[in-house]
Amino acid sequence: MSADDLNRLGGFARYEDVDGDAIGYRTLPGTDHPKAAYFTRGSGHNSKALYTEKPDDYVELMERLARKFGTARHLVPEPVVHKNGTSKIGMIAYGTSHYAISEAMDE
């Protein structure tokens, strides 16, 4: 989401499941807005990314993550495997690292 999106919505909860797919919305990196992207620690946060030790918040987070992986299972493309029969190492690339690996393989 952009700064305009954040202003239009009036609020932002980093880990809130707004549309039911269990995947939280994100802001664009570098967005100049006080509610833009930031880091939180592990599983000790609630849907608003606030630190918590409440058991109910932890259960809610773990249940959302389980739903998130179920959603992602249907959205993530199948792996692309390149073999030449003599390879001694393997690499796993995802996201933008894919392009660096592809470029290195061409050399």
C-alpha atoms as a PDB file:
ATOM      1  CA  MET A   1       0.000   0.000   0.000  1.00  0.00           C
ATOM      2  CA  SER A   2       1.129   3.521  -0.701  1.00  0.00           C
ATOM      3  CA  ALA A   3       0.957   6.559   1.609  1.00  0.00           C
ATOM      4  CA  ASP A   4      -2.266   7.565  -0.201  1.00  0.00           C
ATOM      5  CA  ASP A   5      -3.740   4.112   0.497  1.00  0.00           C
ATOM      6  CA  LEU A   6      -2.845   4.426   4.182  1.00  0.00           C
ATOM      7  CA  ASN A   7      -4.397   7.894   4.400  1.00  0.00           C
ATOM      8  CA  ARG A   8      -7.555   6.727   2.617  1.00  0.00           C
ATOM      9  CA  LEU A   9      -7.987   3.705   4.910  1.00  0.00           C
ATOM     10  CA  GLY A  10      -7.410   5.739   8.068  1.00  0.00           C
ATOM     11  CA  GLY A  11      -5.574   2.898   9.808  1.00  0.00           C
ATOM     12  CA  PHE A  12      -3.316  -0.054   9.289  1.00  0.00           C
ATOM     13  CA  ALA A  13      -2.765  -3.228  11.284  1.00  0.00           C
ATOM     14  CA  ARG A  14       0.256  -5.030   9.848  1.00  0.00           C
ATOM     15  CA  TYR A  15      -0.970  -8.564  10.579  1.00  0.00           C
ATOM     16  CA  GLU A  16      -4.738  -8.099  10.384  1.00  0.00           C
ATOM     17  CA  ASP A  17      -6.475 -10.472   8.000  1.00  0.00           C
ATOM     18  CA  VAL A  18      -8.570  -7.909   6.126  1.00  0.00           C
ATOM     19  CA  ASP A  19      -9.795 -10.049   3.228  1.00  0.00           C
ATOM     20  CA  GLY A  20      -9.889 -13.547   4.752  1.00  0.00           C
ATOM     21  CA  ASP A  21      -6.881 -15.041   2.954  1.00  0.00           C
ATOM     22  CA  ALA A  22      -4.723 -14.850   6.128  1.00  0.00           C
ATOM     23  CA  ILE A  23      -2.045 -12.857   4.293  1.00  0.00           C
ATOM     24  CA  GLY A  24      -1.522  -9.456   5.888  1.00  0.00           C
ATOM     25  CA  TYR A  25      -1.300  -6.352   3.738  1.00  0.00           C
ATOM     26  CA  ARG A  26       2.074  -4.663   3.311  1.00  0.00           C
ATOM     27  CA  THR A  27       3.178  -1.162   2.622  1.00  0.00           C
ATOM     28  CA  LEU A  28       5.623  -0.307  -0.121  1.00  0.00           C
ATOM     29  CA  PRO A  29       9.217  -0.138   1.145  1.00  0.00           C
ATOM     30  CA  GLY A  30      10.304   3.469   1.614  1.00  0.00           C
ATOM     31  CA  THR A  31       6.750   4.785   2.004  1.00  0.00           C
ATOM     32  CA  ASP A  32       6.947   8.066   3.893  1.00  0.00           C
ATOM     33  CA  HIS A  33       4.126   7.511   6.371  1.00  0.00           C
ATOM     34  CA  PRO A  34       4.155   6.811  10.120  1.00  0.00           C
ATOM     35  CA  LYS A  35       2.110   3.635   9.548  1.00  0.00           C
ATOM     36  CA  ALA A  36       4.354   2.305   6.761  1.00  0.00           C
ATOM     37  CA  ALA A  37       6.558  -0.813   6.835  1.00  0.00           C
ATOM     38  CA  TYR A  38       8.438  -1.672   9.971  1.00  0.00           C
ATOM     39  CA  PHE A  39       9.886  -4.751  11.648  1.00  0.00           C
ATOM     40  CA  THR A  40       8.356  -6.729  14.493  1.00  0.00           C
ATOM     41  CA  ARG A  41       9.808  -9.534  16.536  1.00  0.00           C
ATOM     42  CA  GLY A  42       8.857 -13.136  15.836  1.00  0.00           C
ATOM     43  CA  SER A  43       5.541 -14.431  17.090  1.00  0.00           C
ATOM     44  CA  GLY A  44       5.190 -12.077  20.066  1.00  0.00           C
ATOM     45  CA  HIS A  45       2.823  -9.639  18.387  1.00  0.00           C
ATOM     46  CA  ASN A  46      -0.880  -9.199  17.764  1.00  0.00           C
ATOM     47  CA  SER A  47      -2.661  -8.264  14.522  1.00  0.00           C
ATOM     48  CA  LYS A  48      -1.629  -4.632  14.955  1.00  0.00           C
ATOM     49  CA  ALA A  49       2.030  -5.721  15.328  1.00  0.00           C
ATOM     50  CA  LEU A  50       2.035  -4.668  18.966  1.00  0.00           C
ATOM     51  CA  TYR A  51       4.136  -6.717  21.397  1.00  0.00           C
ATOM     52  CA  THR A  52       2.069  -9.135  23.438  1.00  0.00           C
ATOM     53  CA  GLU A  53       2.415 -12.176  25.662  1.00  0.00           C
ATOM     54  CA  LYS A  54      -1.316 -12.906  25.796  1.00  0.00           C
ATOM     55  CA  PRO A  55      -2.065 -16.571  25.042  1.00  0.00           C
ATOM     56  CA  ASP A  56      -5.171 -15.713  23.000  1.00  0.00           C
ATOM     57  CA  ASP A  57      -3.134 -13.394  20.738  1.00  0.00           C
ATOM     58  CA  TYR A  58      -0.541 -16.143  20.208  1.00  0.00           C
ATOM     59  CA  VAL A  59      -3.217 -18.716  19.313  1.00  0.00           C
ATOM     60  CA  GLU A  60      -4.837 -16.238  16.903  1.00  0.00           C
ATOM     61  CA  LEU A  61      -1.465 -15.570  15.259  1.00  0.00           C
ATOM     62  CA  MET A  62      -0.637 -19.267  14.861  1.00  0.00           C
ATOM     63  CA  GLU A  63      -4.085 -20.000  13.420  1.00  0.00           C
ATOM     64  CA  ARG A  64      -3.698 -17.123  10.938  1.00  0.00           C
ATOM     65  CA  LEU A  65      -0.270 -18.416   9.885  1.00  0.00           C
ATOM     66  CA  ALA A  66      -1.715 -21.882   9.286  1.00  0.00           C
ATOM     67  CA  ARG A  67      -4.439 -20.340   7.082  1.00  0.00           C
ATOM     68  CA  LYS A  68      -1.817 -18.185   5.342  1.00  0.00           C
ATOM     69  CA  PHE A  69       0.230 -21.240   4.344  1.00  0.00           C
ATOM     70  CA  GLY A  70      -2.953 -22.906   3.099  1.00  0.00           C
ATOM     71  CA  THR A  71      -3.734 -19.872   0.956  1.00  0.00           C
ATOM     72  CA  ALA A  72      -0.155 -19.645  -0.323  1.00  0.00           C
ATOM     73  CA  ARG A  73      -0.204 -23.325  -1.269  1.00  0.00           C
ATOM     74  CA  HIS A  74      -2.677 -22.418  -4.023  1.00  0.00           C
ATOM     75  CA  LEU A  75      -0.900 -19.216  -5.122  1.00  0.00           C
ATOM     76  CA  VAL A  76       2.796 -20.137  -5.198  1.00  0.00           C
ATOM     77  CA  PRO A  77       3.950 -21.477  -8.574  1.00  0.00           C
ATOM     78  CA  GLU A  78       5.444 -24.930  -8.966  1.00  0.00           C
ATOM     79  CA  PRO A  79       9.227 -25.131  -8.609  1.00  0.00           C
ATOM     80  CA  VAL A  80      11.425 -24.791 -11.668  1.00  0.00           C
ATOM     81  CA  VAL A  81      14.272 -27.300 -11.590  1.00  0.00           C
ATOM     82  CA  HIS A  82      17.348 -27.136 -13.819  1.00  0.00           C
ATOM     83  CA  LYS A  83      19.540 -30.247 -13.933  1.00  0.00           C
ATOM     84  CA  ASN A  84      22.481 -31.035 -16.159  1.00  0.00           C
ATOM     85  CA  GLY A  85      23.451 -34.407 -14.725  1.00  0.00           C
ATOM     86  CA  THR A  86      26.820 -33.239 -13.387  1.00  0.00           C
ATOM     87  CA  SER A  87      25.790 -30.667 -10.812  1.00  0.00           C
ATOM     88  CA  LYS A  88      27.407 -31.022  -7.394  1.00  0.00           C
ATOM     89  CA  ILE A  89      25.505 -28.239  -5.656  1.00  0.00           C
ATOM     90  CA  GLY A  90      21.992 -26.936  -5.603  1.00  0.00           C
ATOM     91  CA  MET A  91      20.537 -23.491  -5.106  1.00  0.00           C
ATOM     92  CA  ILE A  92      17.122 -22.349  -4.080  1.00  0.00           C
ATOM     93  CA  ALA A  93      16.001 -18.924  -5.247  1.00  0.00           C
ATOM     94  CA  TYR A  94      12.712 -17.134  -4.656  1.00  0.00           C
ATOM     95  CA  GLY A  95      11.440 -13.639  -5.079  1.00  0.00           C
ATOM     96  CA  THR A  96      13.998 -11.263  -6.524  1.00  0.00           C
ATOM     97  CA  SER A  97      16.918 -13.620  -5.812  1.00  0.00           C
ATOM     98  CA  HIS A  98      15.631 -15.723  -8.713  1.00  0.00           C
ATOM     99  CA  TYR A  99      16.916 -13.194 -11.240  1.00  0.00           C
ATOM    100  CA  ALA A 100      20.432 -13.071  -9.792  1.00  0.00           C
ATOM    101  CA  ILE A 101      20.670 -16.863  -9.870  1.00  0.00           C
ATOM    102  CA  SER A 102      19.329 -16.988 -13.445  1.00  0.00           C
ATOM    103  CA  GLU A 103      21.878 -14.383 -14.536  1.00  0.00           C
ATOM    104  CA  ALA A 104      24.729 -16.267 -12.848  1.00  0.00           C
ATOM    105  CA  MET A 105      23.703 -19.517 -14.572  1.00  0.00           C
ATOM    106  CA  ASP A 106      23.979 -17.854 -17.977  1.00  0.00           C
ATOM    107  CA  GLU A 107      27.654 -16.991 -17.411  1.00  0.00           C
END
